[in-house]
């Protein structure tokens, strides 16, 4: 198999493409476990519903966009969840080129953190 390495991707019309620079699918209940990932070295568990995502290879800056979704508590499945990047003002840390924090909780009460069985996160730059 061959490997293709490029610095920039573009459509045929010249528009830029921005693939995910990092992504992860992990179980946030019990002992945190990564199911699959791209450019994520580990997940850090900071307590109930509070996780750190560590990149294998740092991004060029901390100015990336993130998207996240979480669902399910234990063995039940629920779409009623809230996911947020953890801002420094709430006792967390600002995202860096190699790391960011994420919080998952109950959508009925955003201040109630909850572990989720299915957490999906990506970082785009």
PDB file of N, CA and C in Angstrom:
ATOM      1  N   UNK A   1       0.830  -1.167   0.000  1.00  0.00           N
ATOM      2  CA  UNK A   1       0.000   0.000   0.000  1.00  0.00           C
ATOM      3  C   UNK A   1       0.883   1.242   0.000  1.00  0.00           C
ATOM      4  N   UNK A   2       0.484   2.259  -0.724  1.00  0.00           N
ATOM      5  CA  UNK A   2       1.222   3.518  -0.795  1.00  0.00           C
ATOM      6  C   UNK A   2       0.622   4.540   0.153  1.00  0.00           C
ATOM      7  N   UNK A   3       1.427   5.499   0.551  1.00  0.00           N
ATOM      8  CA  UNK A   3       0.980   6.586   1.409  1.00  0.00           C
ATOM      9  C   UNK A   3       1.047   7.883   0.621  1.00  0.00           C
ATOM     10  N   UNK A   4      -0.040   8.649   0.702  1.00  0.00           N
ATOM     11  CA  UNK A   4      -0.081   9.963   0.061  1.00  0.00           C
ATOM     12  C   UNK A   4       0.043  11.008   1.155  1.00  0.00           C
ATOM     13  N   UNK A   5       1.018  11.919   1.011  1.00  0.00           N
ATOM     14  CA  UNK A   5       1.210  12.987   1.976  1.00  0.00           C
ATOM     15  C   UNK A   5       1.076  14.324   1.274  1.00  0.00           C
ATOM     16  N   UNK A   6       0.192  15.165   1.811  1.00  0.00           N
ATOM     17  CA  UNK A   6      -0.012  16.500   1.246  1.00  0.00           C
ATOM     18  C   UNK A   6      -0.173  17.492   2.381  1.00  0.00           C
ATOM     19  N   UNK A   7       0.092  18.768   2.104  1.00  0.00           N
ATOM     20  CA  UNK A   7      -0.106  19.817   3.095  1.00  0.00           C
ATOM     21  C   UNK A   7      -1.487  20.441   2.990  1.00  0.00           C
ATOM     22  N   UNK A   8      -2.032  20.491   1.793  1.00  0.00           N
ATOM     23  CA  UNK A   8      -3.340  21.106   1.577  1.00  0.00           C
ATOM     24  C   UNK A   8      -4.166  20.260   0.620  1.00  0.00           C
ATOM     25  N   UNK A   9      -5.459  20.154   0.902  1.00  0.00           N
ATOM     26  CA  UNK A   9      -6.399  19.490   0.002  1.00  0.00           C
ATOM     27  C   UNK A   9      -7.334  20.531  -0.570  1.00  0.00           C
ATOM     28  N   UNK A  10      -7.681  20.386  -1.838  1.00  0.00           N
ATOM     29  CA  UNK A  10      -8.612  21.308  -2.476  1.00  0.00           C
ATOM     30  C   UNK A  10      -9.548  20.536  -3.387  1.00  0.00           C
ATOM     31  N   UNK A  11     -10.745  21.110  -3.573  1.00  0.00           N
ATOM     32  CA  UNK A  11     -11.655  20.563  -4.567  1.00  0.00           C
ATOM     33  C   UNK A  11     -11.124  20.957  -5.941  1.00  0.00           C
ATOM     34  N   UNK A  12     -11.706  20.445  -7.007  1.00  0.00           N
ATOM     35  CA  UNK A  12     -11.258  20.799  -8.354  1.00  0.00           C
ATOM     36  C   UNK A  12     -11.460  22.276  -8.655  1.00  0.00           C
ATOM     37  N   UNK A  13     -12.388  22.939  -7.928  1.00  0.00           N
ATOM     38  CA  UNK A  13     -12.602  24.374  -8.139  1.00  0.00           C
ATOM     39  C   UNK A  13     -11.662  25.233  -7.297  1.00  0.00           C
ATOM     40  N   UNK A  14     -10.833  24.591  -6.452  1.00  0.00           N
ATOM     41  CA  UNK A  14      -9.856  25.328  -5.651  1.00  0.00           C
ATOM     42  C   UNK A  14     -10.296  25.617  -4.233  1.00  0.00           C
ATOM     43  N   UNK A  15     -11.517  25.206  -3.865  1.00  0.00           N
ATOM     44  CA  UNK A  15     -11.974  25.429  -2.496  1.00  0.00           C
ATOM     45  C   UNK A  15     -11.225  24.490  -1.553  1.00  0.00           C
ATOM     46  N   UNK A  16     -10.871  25.000  -0.383  1.00  0.00           N
ATOM     47  CA  UNK A  16     -10.134  24.189   0.585  1.00  0.00           C
ATOM     48  C   UNK A  16     -11.001  23.125   1.244  1.00  0.00           C
ATOM     49  N   UNK A  17     -10.406  22.001   1.553  1.00  0.00           N
ATOM     50  CA  UNK A  17     -11.051  20.952   2.327  1.00  0.00           C
ATOM     51  C   UNK A  17     -10.395  20.907   3.696  1.00  0.00           C
ATOM     52  N   UNK A  18     -11.178  20.699   4.716  1.00  0.00           N
ATOM     53  CA  UNK A  18     -10.651  20.713   6.071  1.00  0.00           C
ATOM     54  C   UNK A  18     -11.039  19.434   6.798  1.00  0.00           C
ATOM     55  N   UNK A  19     -10.281  18.374   6.594  1.00  0.00           N
ATOM     56  CA  UNK A  19     -10.590  17.112   7.267  1.00  0.00           C
ATOM     57  C   UNK A  19     -10.301  17.206   8.763  1.00  0.00           C
ATOM     58  N   UNK A  20     -10.907  16.320   9.517  1.00  0.00           N
ATOM     59  CA  UNK A  20     -10.651  16.292  10.956  1.00  0.00           C
ATOM     60  C   UNK A  20      -9.162  16.057  11.208  1.00  0.00           C
ATOM     61  N   UNK A  21      -8.577  16.846  12.080  1.00  0.00           N
ATOM     62  CA  UNK A  21      -7.169  16.677  12.455  1.00  0.00           C
ATOM     63  C   UNK A  21      -7.036  15.650  13.577  1.00  0.00           C
ATOM     64  N   UNK A  22      -8.143  15.449  14.296  1.00  0.00           N
ATOM     65  CA  UNK A  22      -8.180  14.442  15.355  1.00  0.00           C
ATOM     66  C   UNK A  22      -9.638  14.077  15.611  1.00  0.00           C
ATOM     67  N   UNK A  23      -9.876  12.831  15.966  1.00  0.00           N
ATOM     68  CA  UNK A  23     -11.221  12.383  16.318  1.00  0.00           C
ATOM     69  C   UNK A  23     -11.115  11.180  17.247  1.00  0.00           C
ATOM     70  N   UNK A  24     -12.166  10.988  18.041  1.00  0.00           N
ATOM     71  CA  UNK A  24     -12.164   9.840  18.955  1.00  0.00           C
ATOM     72  C   UNK A  24     -13.601   9.429  19.270  1.00  0.00           C
ATOM     73  N   UNK A  25     -13.793   8.140  19.428  1.00  0.00           N
ATOM     74  CA  UNK A  25     -15.041   7.535  19.889  1.00  0.00           C
ATOM     75  C   UNK A  25     -14.653   6.765  21.149  1.00  0.00           C
ATOM     76  N   UNK A  26     -15.202   7.165  22.303  1.00  0.00           N
ATOM     77  CA  UNK A  26     -14.812   6.477  23.538  1.00  0.00           C
ATOM     78  C   UNK A  26     -15.975   6.265  24.488  1.00  0.00           C
ATOM     79  N   UNK A  27     -15.775   5.308  25.404  1.00  0.00           N
ATOM     80  CA  UNK A  27     -16.725   5.003  26.462  1.00  0.00           C
ATOM     81  C   UNK A  27     -16.302   5.802  27.684  1.00  0.00           C
ATOM     82  N   UNK A  28     -17.163   6.691  28.150  1.00  0.00           N
ATOM     83  CA  UNK A  28     -16.840   7.538  29.288  1.00  0.00           C
ATOM     84  C   UNK A  28     -17.347   7.015  30.613  1.00  0.00           C
ATOM     85  N   UNK A  29     -17.796   5.757  30.659  1.00  0.00           N
ATOM     86  CA  UNK A  29     -18.286   5.175  31.909  1.00  0.00           C
ATOM     87  C   UNK A  29     -17.250   4.215  32.484  1.00  0.00           C
ATOM     88  N   UNK A  30     -17.246   4.075  33.811  1.00  0.00           N
ATOM     89  CA  UNK A  30     -16.290   3.157  34.445  1.00  0.00           C
ATOM     90  C   UNK A  30     -14.863   3.553  34.099  1.00  0.00           C
ATOM     91  N   UNK A  31     -14.066   2.579  33.674  1.00  0.00           N
ATOM     92  CA  UNK A  31     -12.715   2.868  33.201  1.00  0.00           C
ATOM     93  C   UNK A  31     -12.828   3.377  31.769  1.00  0.00           C
ATOM     94  N   UNK A  32     -12.453   4.626  31.551  1.00  0.00           N
ATOM     95  CA  UNK A  32     -12.581   5.249  30.231  1.00  0.00           C
ATOM     96  C   UNK A  32     -11.804   4.436  29.208  1.00  0.00           C
ATOM     97  N   UNK A  33     -12.461   4.155  28.044  1.00  0.00           N
ATOM     98  CA  UNK A  33     -11.812   3.321  27.030  1.00  0.00           C
ATOM     99  C   UNK A  33     -12.078   3.869  25.637  1.00  0.00           C
ATOM    100  N   UNK A  34     -11.012   4.048  24.861  1.00  0.00           N
ATOM    101  CA  UNK A  34     -11.132   4.488  23.471  1.00  0.00           C
ATOM    102  C   UNK A  34     -11.566   3.298  22.617  1.00  0.00           C
ATOM    103  N   UNK A  35     -12.647   3.487  21.845  1.00  0.00           N
ATOM    104  CA  UNK A  35     -13.082   2.456  20.902  1.00  0.00           C
ATOM    105  C   UNK A  35     -12.282   2.542  19.608  1.00  0.00           C
ATOM    106  N   UNK A  36     -12.115   3.767  19.106  1.00  0.00           N
ATOM    107  CA  UNK A  36     -11.352   4.007  17.882  1.00  0.00           C
ATOM    108  C   UNK A  36     -10.995   5.483  17.855  1.00  0.00           C
ATOM    109  N   UNK A  37      -9.943   5.825  17.106  1.00  0.00           N
ATOM    110  CA  UNK A  37      -9.500   7.213  17.086  1.00  0.00           C
ATOM    111  C   UNK A  37      -8.630   7.494  15.880  1.00  0.00           C
ATOM    112  N   UNK A  38      -8.387   8.748  15.657  1.00  0.00           N
ATOM    113  CA  UNK A  38      -7.413   9.240  14.706  1.00  0.00           C
ATOM    114  C   UNK A  38      -6.672  10.385  15.367  1.00  0.00           C
ATOM    115  N   UNK A  39      -5.382  10.255  15.586  1.00  0.00           N
ATOM    116  CA  UNK A  39      -4.526  11.272  16.191  1.00  0.00           C
ATOM    117  C   UNK A  39      -4.910  11.600  17.639  1.00  0.00           C
ATOM    118  N   UNK A  40      -5.441  10.633  18.368  1.00  0.00           N
ATOM    119  CA  UNK A  40      -5.697  10.807  19.797  1.00  0.00           C
ATOM    120  C   UNK A  40      -4.883   9.752  20.537  1.00  0.00           C
ATOM    121  N   UNK A  41      -4.026  10.204  21.453  1.00  0.00           N
ATOM    122  CA  UNK A  41      -3.163   9.264  22.182  1.00  0.00           C
ATOM    123  C   UNK A  41      -3.839   8.683  23.413  1.00  0.00           C
ATOM    124  N   UNK A  42      -4.690   9.492  24.066  1.00  0.00           N
ATOM    125  CA  UNK A  42      -5.332   9.010  25.285  1.00  0.00           C
ATOM    126  C   UNK A  42      -6.464   9.940  25.695  1.00  0.00           C
ATOM    127  N   UNK A  43      -7.293   9.433  26.607  1.00  0.00           N
ATOM    128  CA  UNK A  43      -8.354  10.201  27.244  1.00  0.00           C
ATOM    129  C   UNK A  43      -8.025  10.233  28.730  1.00  0.00           C
ATOM    130  N   UNK A  44      -8.145  11.398  29.352  1.00  0.00           N
ATOM    131  CA  UNK A  44      -7.933  11.521  30.788  1.00  0.00           C
ATOM    132  C   UNK A  44      -9.292  11.693  31.457  1.00  0.00           C
ATOM    133  N   UNK A  45      -9.556  10.925  32.502  1.00  0.00           N
ATOM    134  CA  UNK A  45     -10.812  11.004  33.255  1.00  0.00           C
ATOM    135  C   UNK A  45     -10.586  11.891  34.477  1.00  0.00           C
ATOM    136  N   UNK A  46     -11.250  13.072  34.504  1.00  0.00           N
ATOM    137  CA  UNK A  46     -11.108  14.011  35.613  1.00  0.00           C
ATOM    138  C   UNK A  46     -12.256  13.911  36.610  1.00  0.00           C
ATOM    139  N   UNK A  47     -13.086  12.896  36.481  1.00  0.00           N
ATOM    140  CA  UNK A  47     -14.241  12.745  37.363  1.00  0.00           C
ATOM    141  C   UNK A  47     -15.499  12.605  36.538  1.00  0.00           C
ATOM    142  N   UNK A  48     -16.632  12.608  37.195  1.00  0.00           N
ATOM    143  CA  UNK A  48     -17.915  12.385  36.525  1.00  0.00           C
ATOM    144  C   UNK A  48     -18.128  13.387  35.400  1.00  0.00           C
ATOM    145  N   UNK A  49     -18.293  12.879  34.170  1.00  0.00           N
ATOM    146  CA  UNK A  49     -18.603  13.706  33.011  1.00  0.00           C
ATOM    147  C   UNK A  49     -17.547  14.716  32.629  1.00  0.00           C
ATOM    148  N   UNK A  50     -16.300  14.501  32.995  1.00  0.00           N
ATOM    149  CA  UNK A  50     -15.250  15.487  32.773  1.00  0.00           C
ATOM    150  C   UNK A  50     -14.007  14.763  32.241  1.00  0.00           C
ATOM    151  N   UNK A  51     -13.633  15.038  30.985  1.00  0.00           N
ATOM    152  CA  UNK A  51     -12.588  14.286  30.298  1.00  0.00           C
ATOM    153  C   UNK A  51     -11.598  15.223  29.609  1.00  0.00           C
ATOM    154  N   UNK A  52     -10.380  14.743  29.421  1.00  0.00           N
ATOM    155  CA  UNK A  52      -9.387  15.429  28.613  1.00  0.00           C
ATOM    156  C   UNK A  52      -9.073  14.593  27.392  1.00  0.00           C
ATOM    157  N   UNK A  53      -8.937  15.231  26.249  1.00  0.00           N
ATOM    158  CA  UNK A  53      -8.582  14.561  24.994  1.00  0.00           C
ATOM    159  C   UNK A  53      -7.164  14.989  24.640  1.00  0.00           C
ATOM    160  N   UNK A  54      -6.257  14.023  24.522  1.00  0.00           N
ATOM    161  CA  UNK A  54      -4.846  14.278  24.251  1.00  0.00           C
ATOM    162  C   UNK A  54      -4.495  13.841  22.823  1.00  0.00           C
ATOM    163  N   UNK A  55      -3.919  14.742  22.044  1.00  0.00           N
ATOM    164  CA  UNK A  55      -3.561  14.430  20.658  1.00  0.00           C
ATOM    165  C   UNK A  55      -2.240  13.672  20.593  1.00  0.00           C
ATOM    166  N   UNK A  56      -2.134  12.748  19.662  1.00  0.00           N
ATOM    167  CA  UNK A  56      -0.877  12.038  19.413  1.00  0.00           C
ATOM    168  C   UNK A  56       0.160  12.991  18.839  1.00  0.00           C
ATOM    169  N   UNK A  57      -0.246  13.769  17.850  1.00  0.00           N
ATOM    170  CA  UNK A  57       0.597  14.789  17.229  1.00  0.00           C
ATOM    171  C   UNK A  57      -0.090  16.132  17.405  1.00  0.00           C
ATOM    172  N   UNK A  58       0.598  17.090  18.002  1.00  0.00           N
ATOM    173  CA  UNK A  58       0.006  18.406  18.249  1.00  0.00           C
ATOM    174  C   UNK A  58      -0.438  19.063  16.957  1.00  0.00           C
ATOM    175  N   UNK A  59      -1.498  19.867  17.051  1.00  0.00           N
ATOM    176  CA  UNK A  59      -1.950  20.661  15.915  1.00  0.00           C
ATOM    177  C   UNK A  59      -1.066  21.905  15.829  1.00  0.00           C
ATOM    178  N   UNK A  60      -1.205  22.678  14.771  1.00  0.00           N
ATOM    179  CA  UNK A  60      -0.325  23.832  14.580  1.00  0.00           C
ATOM    180  C   UNK A  60      -0.622  24.978  15.546  1.00  0.00           C
ATOM    181  N   UNK A  61      -1.814  24.997  16.140  1.00  0.00           N
ATOM    182  CA  UNK A  61      -2.163  26.015  17.130  1.00  0.00           C
ATOM    183  C   UNK A  61      -3.365  25.510  17.927  1.00  0.00           C
ATOM    184  N   UNK A  62      -3.788  26.297  18.894  1.00  0.00           N
ATOM    185  CA  UNK A  62      -4.971  25.960  19.691  1.00  0.00           C
ATOM    186  C   UNK A  62      -6.239  26.543  19.071  1.00  0.00           C
ATOM    187  N   UNK A  63      -6.137  27.099  17.878  1.00  0.00           N
ATOM    188  CA  UNK A  63      -7.272  27.762  17.230  1.00  0.00           C
ATOM    189  C   UNK A  63      -8.038  26.823  16.308  1.00  0.00           C
ATOM    190  N   UNK A  64      -8.401  25.665  16.797  1.00  0.00           N
ATOM    191  CA  UNK A  64      -9.164  24.692  16.021  1.00  0.00           C
ATOM    192  C   UNK A  64     -10.616  24.695  16.494  1.00  0.00           C
ATOM    193  N   UNK A  65     -11.471  24.124  15.673  1.00  0.00           N
ATOM    194  CA  UNK A  65     -12.880  23.983  16.030  1.00  0.00           C
ATOM    195  C   UNK A  65     -13.119  22.554  16.495  1.00  0.00           C
ATOM    196  N   UNK A  66     -14.020  22.405  17.439  1.00  0.00           N
ATOM    197  CA  UNK A  66     -14.361  21.073  17.917  1.00  0.00           C
ATOM    198  C   UNK A  66     -15.848  20.821  17.746  1.00  0.00           C
ATOM    199  N   UNK A  67     -16.187  19.576  17.621  1.00  0.00           N
ATOM    200  CA  UNK A  67     -17.573  19.143  17.586  1.00  0.00           C
ATOM    201  C   UNK A  67     -17.667  17.900  18.441  1.00  0.00           C
ATOM    202  N   UNK A  68     -18.719  17.807  19.244  1.00  0.00           N
ATOM    203  CA  UNK A  68     -18.831  16.672  20.150  1.00  0.00           C
ATOM    204  C   UNK A  68     -20.284  16.260  20.314  1.00  0.00           C
ATOM    205  N   UNK A  69     -20.474  14.994  20.588  1.00  0.00           N
ATOM    206  CA  UNK A  69     -21.798  14.452  20.896  1.00  0.00           C
ATOM    207  C   UNK A  69     -21.622  13.343  21.916  1.00  0.00           C
ATOM    208  N   UNK A  70     -22.542  13.257  22.853  1.00  0.00           N
ATOM    209  CA  UNK A  70     -22.497  12.189  23.851  1.00  0.00           C
ATOM    210  C   UNK A  70     -23.905  11.655  24.070  1.00  0.00           C
ATOM    211  N   UNK A  71     -23.991  10.363  24.320  1.00  0.00           N
ATOM    212  CA  UNK A  71     -25.287   9.764  24.612  1.00  0.00           C
ATOM    213  C   UNK A  71     -25.119   8.517  25.457  1.00  0.00           C
ATOM    214  N   UNK A  72     -26.181   8.170  26.150  1.00  0.00           N
ATOM    215  CA  UNK A  72     -26.234   6.934  26.923  1.00  0.00           C
ATOM    216  C   UNK A  72     -25.571   7.031  28.277  1.00  0.00           C
ATOM    217  N   UNK A  73     -26.227   6.476  29.258  1.00  0.00           N
ATOM    218  CA  UNK A  73     -25.678   6.326  30.597  1.00  0.00           C
ATOM    219  C   UNK A  73     -25.724   4.845  30.906  1.00  0.00           C
ATOM    220  N   UNK A  74     -24.576   4.255  31.172  1.00  0.00           N
ATOM    221  CA  UNK A  74     -24.545   2.822  31.466  1.00  0.00           C
ATOM    222  C   UNK A  74     -25.021   2.022  30.277  1.00  0.00           C
ATOM    223  N   UNK A  75     -26.038   1.187  30.471  1.00  0.00           N
ATOM    224  CA  UNK A  75     -26.530   0.349  29.382  1.00  0.00           C
ATOM    225  C   UNK A  75     -27.712   0.965  28.653  1.00  0.00           C
ATOM    226  N   UNK A  76     -28.253   2.078  29.164  1.00  0.00           N
ATOM    227  CA  UNK A  76     -29.382   2.714  28.470  1.00  0.00           C
ATOM    228  C   UNK A  76     -28.857   3.657  27.399  1.00  0.00           C
ATOM    229  N   UNK A  77     -29.708   3.992  26.447  1.00  0.00           N
ATOM    230  CA  UNK A  77     -29.314   4.877  25.353  1.00  0.00           C
ATOM    231  C   UNK A  77     -30.217   6.092  25.387  1.00  0.00           C
ATOM    232  N   UNK A  78     -29.653   7.264  25.389  1.00  0.00           N
ATOM    233  CA  UNK A  78     -30.435   8.485  25.471  1.00  0.00           C
ATOM    234  C   UNK A  78     -29.807   9.553  24.596  1.00  0.00           C
ATOM    235  N   UNK A  79     -30.634  10.256  23.865  1.00  0.00           N
ATOM    236  CA  UNK A  79     -30.143  11.389  23.086  1.00  0.00           C
ATOM    237  C   UNK A  79     -30.216  12.676  23.890  1.00  0.00           C
ATOM    238  N   UNK A  80     -30.752  12.592  25.121  1.00  0.00           N
ATOM    239  CA  UNK A  80     -30.863  13.769  25.965  1.00  0.00           C
ATOM    240  C   UNK A  80     -29.567  13.992  26.724  1.00  0.00           C
ATOM    241  N   UNK A  81     -28.623  14.581  26.053  1.00  0.00           N
ATOM    242  CA  UNK A  81     -27.344  14.844  26.704  1.00  0.00           C
ATOM    243  C   UNK A  81     -26.810  16.183  26.250  1.00  0.00           C
ATOM    244  N   UNK A  82     -25.885  16.692  27.021  1.00  0.00           N
ATOM    245  CA  UNK A  82     -25.265  17.974  26.706  1.00  0.00           C
ATOM    246  C   UNK A  82     -23.759  17.770  26.706  1.00  0.00           C
ATOM    247  N   UNK A  83     -23.092  18.381  25.742  1.00  0.00           N
ATOM    248  CA  UNK A  83     -21.652  18.245  25.603  1.00  0.00           C
ATOM    249  C   UNK A  83     -21.063  19.638  25.424  1.00  0.00           C
ATOM    250  N   UNK A  84     -19.970  19.929  26.120  1.00  0.00           N
ATOM    251  CA  UNK A  84     -19.358  21.245  25.995  1.00  0.00           C
ATOM    252  C   UNK A  84     -17.850  21.146  26.141  1.00  0.00           C
ATOM    253  N   UNK A  85     -17.145  21.989  25.412  1.00  0.00           N
ATOM    254  CA  UNK A  85     -15.717  22.117  25.626  1.00  0.00           C
ATOM    255  C   UNK A  85     -15.544  22.888  26.929  1.00  0.00           C
ATOM    256  N   UNK A  86     -14.690  22.413  27.795  1.00  0.00           N
ATOM    257  CA  UNK A  86     -14.560  22.949  29.140  1.00  0.00           C
ATOM    258  C   UNK A  86     -13.768  24.243  29.129  1.00  0.00           C
ATOM    259  N   UNK A  87     -14.403  25.395  29.394  1.00  0.00           N
ATOM    260  CA  UNK A  87     -13.676  26.668  29.402  1.00  0.00           C
ATOM    261  C   UNK A  87     -12.892  26.867  30.693  1.00  0.00           C
ATOM    262  N   UNK A  88     -11.856  27.660  30.606  1.00  0.00           N
ATOM    263  CA  UNK A  88     -11.001  27.883  31.772  1.00  0.00           C
ATOM    264  C   UNK A  88     -11.752  28.560  32.909  1.00  0.00           C
ATOM    265  N   UNK A  89     -12.762  29.341  32.613  1.00  0.00           N
ATOM    266  CA  UNK A  89     -13.527  30.033  33.653  1.00  0.00           C
ATOM    267  C   UNK A  89     -14.295  29.097  34.562  1.00  0.00           C
ATOM    268  N   UNK A  90     -14.503  27.859  34.156  1.00  0.00           N
ATOM    269  CA  UNK A  90     -15.221  26.893  34.982  1.00  0.00           C
ATOM    270  C   UNK A  90     -14.276  25.918  35.664  1.00  0.00           C
ATOM    271  N   UNK A  91     -13.043  26.310  35.883  1.00  0.00           N
ATOM    272  CA  UNK A  91     -12.094  25.456  36.573  1.00  0.00           C
ATOM    273  C   UNK A  91     -11.357  24.511  35.650  1.00  0.00           C
ATOM    274  N   UNK A  92     -11.612  24.603  34.378  1.00  0.00           N
ATOM    275  CA  UNK A  92     -10.918  23.757  33.417  1.00  0.00           C
ATOM    276  C   UNK A  92      -9.687  24.459  32.888  1.00  0.00           C
ATOM    277  N   UNK A  93      -9.255  24.067  31.716  1.00  0.00           N
ATOM    278  CA  UNK A  93      -8.107  24.706  31.088  1.00  0.00           C
ATOM    279  C   UNK A  93      -8.474  25.053  29.658  1.00  0.00           C
ATOM    280  N   UNK A  94      -7.895  26.114  29.149  1.00  0.00           N
ATOM    281  CA  UNK A  94      -8.134  26.467  27.756  1.00  0.00           C
ATOM    282  C   UNK A  94      -7.562  25.385  26.854  1.00  0.00           C
ATOM    283  N   UNK A  95      -8.176  25.163  25.686  1.00  0.00           N
ATOM    284  CA  UNK A  95      -7.606  24.201  24.734  1.00  0.00           C
ATOM    285  C   UNK A  95      -6.190  24.614  24.348  1.00  0.00           C
ATOM    286  N   UNK A  96      -5.329  23.621  24.126  1.00  0.00           N
ATOM    287  CA  UNK A  96      -3.978  23.874  23.641  1.00  0.00           C
ATOM    288  C   UNK A  96      -3.820  23.144  22.313  1.00  0.00           C
ATOM    289  N   UNK A  97      -2.672  23.248  21.701  1.00  0.00           N
ATOM    290  CA  UNK A  97      -2.420  22.556  20.430  1.00  0.00           C
ATOM    291  C   UNK A  97      -2.376  21.043  20.611  1.00  0.00           C
ATOM    292  N   UNK A  98      -2.262  20.564  21.853  1.00  0.00           N
ATOM    293  CA  UNK A  98      -2.141  19.126  22.086  1.00  0.00           C
ATOM    294  C   UNK A  98      -3.223  18.535  22.978  1.00  0.00           C
ATOM    295  N   UNK A  99      -4.189  19.366  23.407  1.00  0.00           N
ATOM    296  CA  UNK A  99      -5.116  18.886  24.430  1.00  0.00           C
ATOM    297  C   UNK A  99      -6.330  19.804  24.552  1.00  0.00           C
ATOM    298  N   UNK A 100      -7.499  19.234  24.859  1.00  0.00           N
ATOM    299  CA  UNK A 100      -8.644  20.022  25.308  1.00  0.00           C
ATOM    300  C   UNK A 100      -9.510  19.179  26.232  1.00  0.00           C
ATOM    301  N   UNK A 101     -10.353  19.861  27.008  1.00  0.00           N
ATOM    302  CA  UNK A 101     -11.237  19.154  27.927  1.00  0.00           C
ATOM    303  C   UNK A 101     -12.664  19.217  27.432  1.00  0.00           C
ATOM    304  N   UNK A 102     -13.431  18.207  27.806  1.00  0.00           N
ATOM    305  CA  UNK A 102     -14.830  18.113  27.418  1.00  0.00           C
ATOM    306  C   UNK A 102     -15.644  17.707  28.643  1.00  0.00           C
ATOM    307  N   UNK A 103     -16.868  18.239  28.732  1.00  0.00           N
ATOM    308  CA  UNK A 103     -17.785  17.914  29.811  1.00  0.00           C
ATOM    309  C   UNK A 103     -19.064  17.369  29.202  1.00  0.00           C
ATOM    310  N   UNK A 104     -19.595  16.306  29.782  1.00  0.00           N
ATOM    311  CA  UNK A 104     -20.876  15.757  29.351  1.00  0.00           C
ATOM    312  C   UNK A 104     -21.845  15.829  30.523  1.00  0.00           C
ATOM    313  N   UNK A 105     -23.101  16.084  30.205  1.00  0.00           N
ATOM    314  CA  UNK A 105     -24.087  16.211  31.267  1.00  0.00           C
ATOM    315  C   UNK A 105     -25.493  15.936  30.791  1.00  0.00           C
ATOM    316  N   UNK A 106     -26.432  16.188  31.668  1.00  0.00           N
ATOM    317  CA  UNK A 106     -27.843  15.966  31.419  1.00  0.00           C
ATOM    318  C   UNK A 106     -28.440  17.217  30.789  1.00  0.00           C
ATOM    319  N   UNK A 107     -29.132  17.074  29.667  1.00  0.00           N
ATOM    320  CA  UNK A 107     -29.699  18.247  28.991  1.00  0.00           C
ATOM    321  C   UNK A 107     -30.828  18.865  29.802  1.00  0.00           C
ATOM    322  N   UNK A 108     -31.460  18.109  30.688  1.00  0.00           N
ATOM    323  CA  UNK A 108     -32.510  18.664  31.539  1.00  0.00           C
ATOM    324  C   UNK A 108     -31.950  19.573  32.616  1.00  0.00           C
ATOM    325  N   UNK A 109     -30.683  19.382  32.968  1.00  0.00           N
ATOM    326  CA  UNK A 109     -30.013  20.187  33.983  1.00  0.00           C
ATOM    327  C   UNK A 109     -28.550  20.286  33.589  1.00  0.00           C
ATOM    328  N   UNK A 110     -28.200  21.317  32.852  1.00  0.00           N
ATOM    329  CA  UNK A 110     -26.863  21.446  32.268  1.00  0.00           C
ATOM    330  C   UNK A 110     -25.754  21.458  33.315  1.00  0.00           C
ATOM    331  N   UNK A 111     -26.075  21.813  34.559  1.00  0.00           N
ATOM    332  CA  UNK A 111     -25.034  21.856  35.583  1.00  0.00           C
ATOM    333  C   UNK A 111     -24.750  20.473  36.175  1.00  0.00           C
ATOM    334  N   UNK A 112     -25.560  19.469  35.838  1.00  0.00           N
ATOM    335  CA  UNK A 112     -25.355  18.118  36.353  1.00  0.00           C
ATOM    336  C   UNK A 112     -24.495  17.319  35.381  1.00  0.00           C
ATOM    337  N   UNK A 113     -23.239  17.091  35.751  1.00  0.00           N
ATOM    338  CA  UNK A 113     -22.336  16.311  34.906  1.00  0.00           C
ATOM    339  C   UNK A 113     -22.704  14.836  35.003  1.00  0.00           C
ATOM    340  N   UNK A 114     -22.592  14.133  33.868  1.00  0.00           N
ATOM    341  CA  UNK A 114     -22.872  12.701  33.825  1.00  0.00           C
ATOM    342  C   UNK A 114     -21.868  12.006  32.921  1.00  0.00           C
ATOM    343  N   UNK A 115     -21.429  10.821  33.335  1.00  0.00           N
ATOM    344  CA  UNK A 115     -20.640   9.977  32.445  1.00  0.00           C
ATOM    345  C   UNK A 115     -21.567   9.489  31.336  1.00  0.00           C
ATOM    346  N   UNK A 116     -21.044   9.354  30.130  1.00  0.00           N
ATOM    347  CA  UNK A 116     -21.816   8.872  28.990  1.00  0.00           C
ATOM    348  C   UNK A 116     -21.114   7.681  28.367  1.00  0.00           C
ATOM    349  N   UNK A 117     -21.905   6.739  27.893  1.00  0.00           N
ATOM    350  CA  UNK A 117     -21.357   5.510  27.314  1.00  0.00           C
ATOM    351  C   UNK A 117     -20.795   5.734  25.911  1.00  0.00           C
ATOM    352  N   UNK A 118     -21.331   6.702  25.189  1.00  0.00           N
ATOM    353  CA  UNK A 118     -20.892   6.957  23.810  1.00  0.00           C
ATOM    354  C   UNK A 118     -20.540   8.432  23.668  1.00  0.00           C
ATOM    355  N   UNK A 119     -19.247   8.702  23.522  1.00  0.00           N
ATOM    356  CA  UNK A 119     -18.783  10.075  23.348  1.00  0.00           C
ATOM    357  C   UNK A 119     -17.971  10.142  22.067  1.00  0.00           C
ATOM    358  N   UNK A 120     -18.339  11.092  21.202  1.00  0.00           N
ATOM    359  CA  UNK A 120     -17.713  11.240  19.887  1.00  0.00           C
ATOM    360  C   UNK A 120     -17.243  12.681  19.765  1.00  0.00           C
ATOM    361  N   UNK A 121     -15.970  12.881  19.506  1.00  0.00           N
ATOM    362  CA  UNK A 121     -15.380  14.214  19.442  1.00  0.00           C
ATOM    363  C   UNK A 121     -14.465  14.316  18.238  1.00  0.00           C
ATOM    364  N   UNK A 122     -14.436  15.488  17.586  1.00  0.00           N
ATOM    365  CA  UNK A 122     -13.451  15.725  16.533  1.00  0.00           C
ATOM    366  C   UNK A 122     -12.948  17.149  16.608  1.00  0.00           C
ATOM    367  N   UNK A 123     -11.730  17.341  16.135  1.00  0.00           N
ATOM    368  CA  UNK A 123     -11.115  18.669  16.078  1.00  0.00           C
ATOM    369  C   UNK A 123     -10.775  18.950  14.615  1.00  0.00           C
ATOM    370  N   UNK A 124     -11.194  20.114  14.132  1.00  0.00           N
ATOM    371  CA  UNK A 124     -10.960  20.526  12.750  1.00  0.00           C
ATOM    372  C   UNK A 124     -10.122  21.790  12.728  1.00  0.00           C
ATOM    373  N   UNK A 125      -9.266  21.885  11.749  1.00  0.00           N
ATOM    374  CA  UNK A 125      -8.409  23.064  11.644  1.00  0.00           C
ATOM    375  C   UNK A 125      -8.307  23.499  10.207  1.00  0.00           C
TER     376      UNK A 125
END
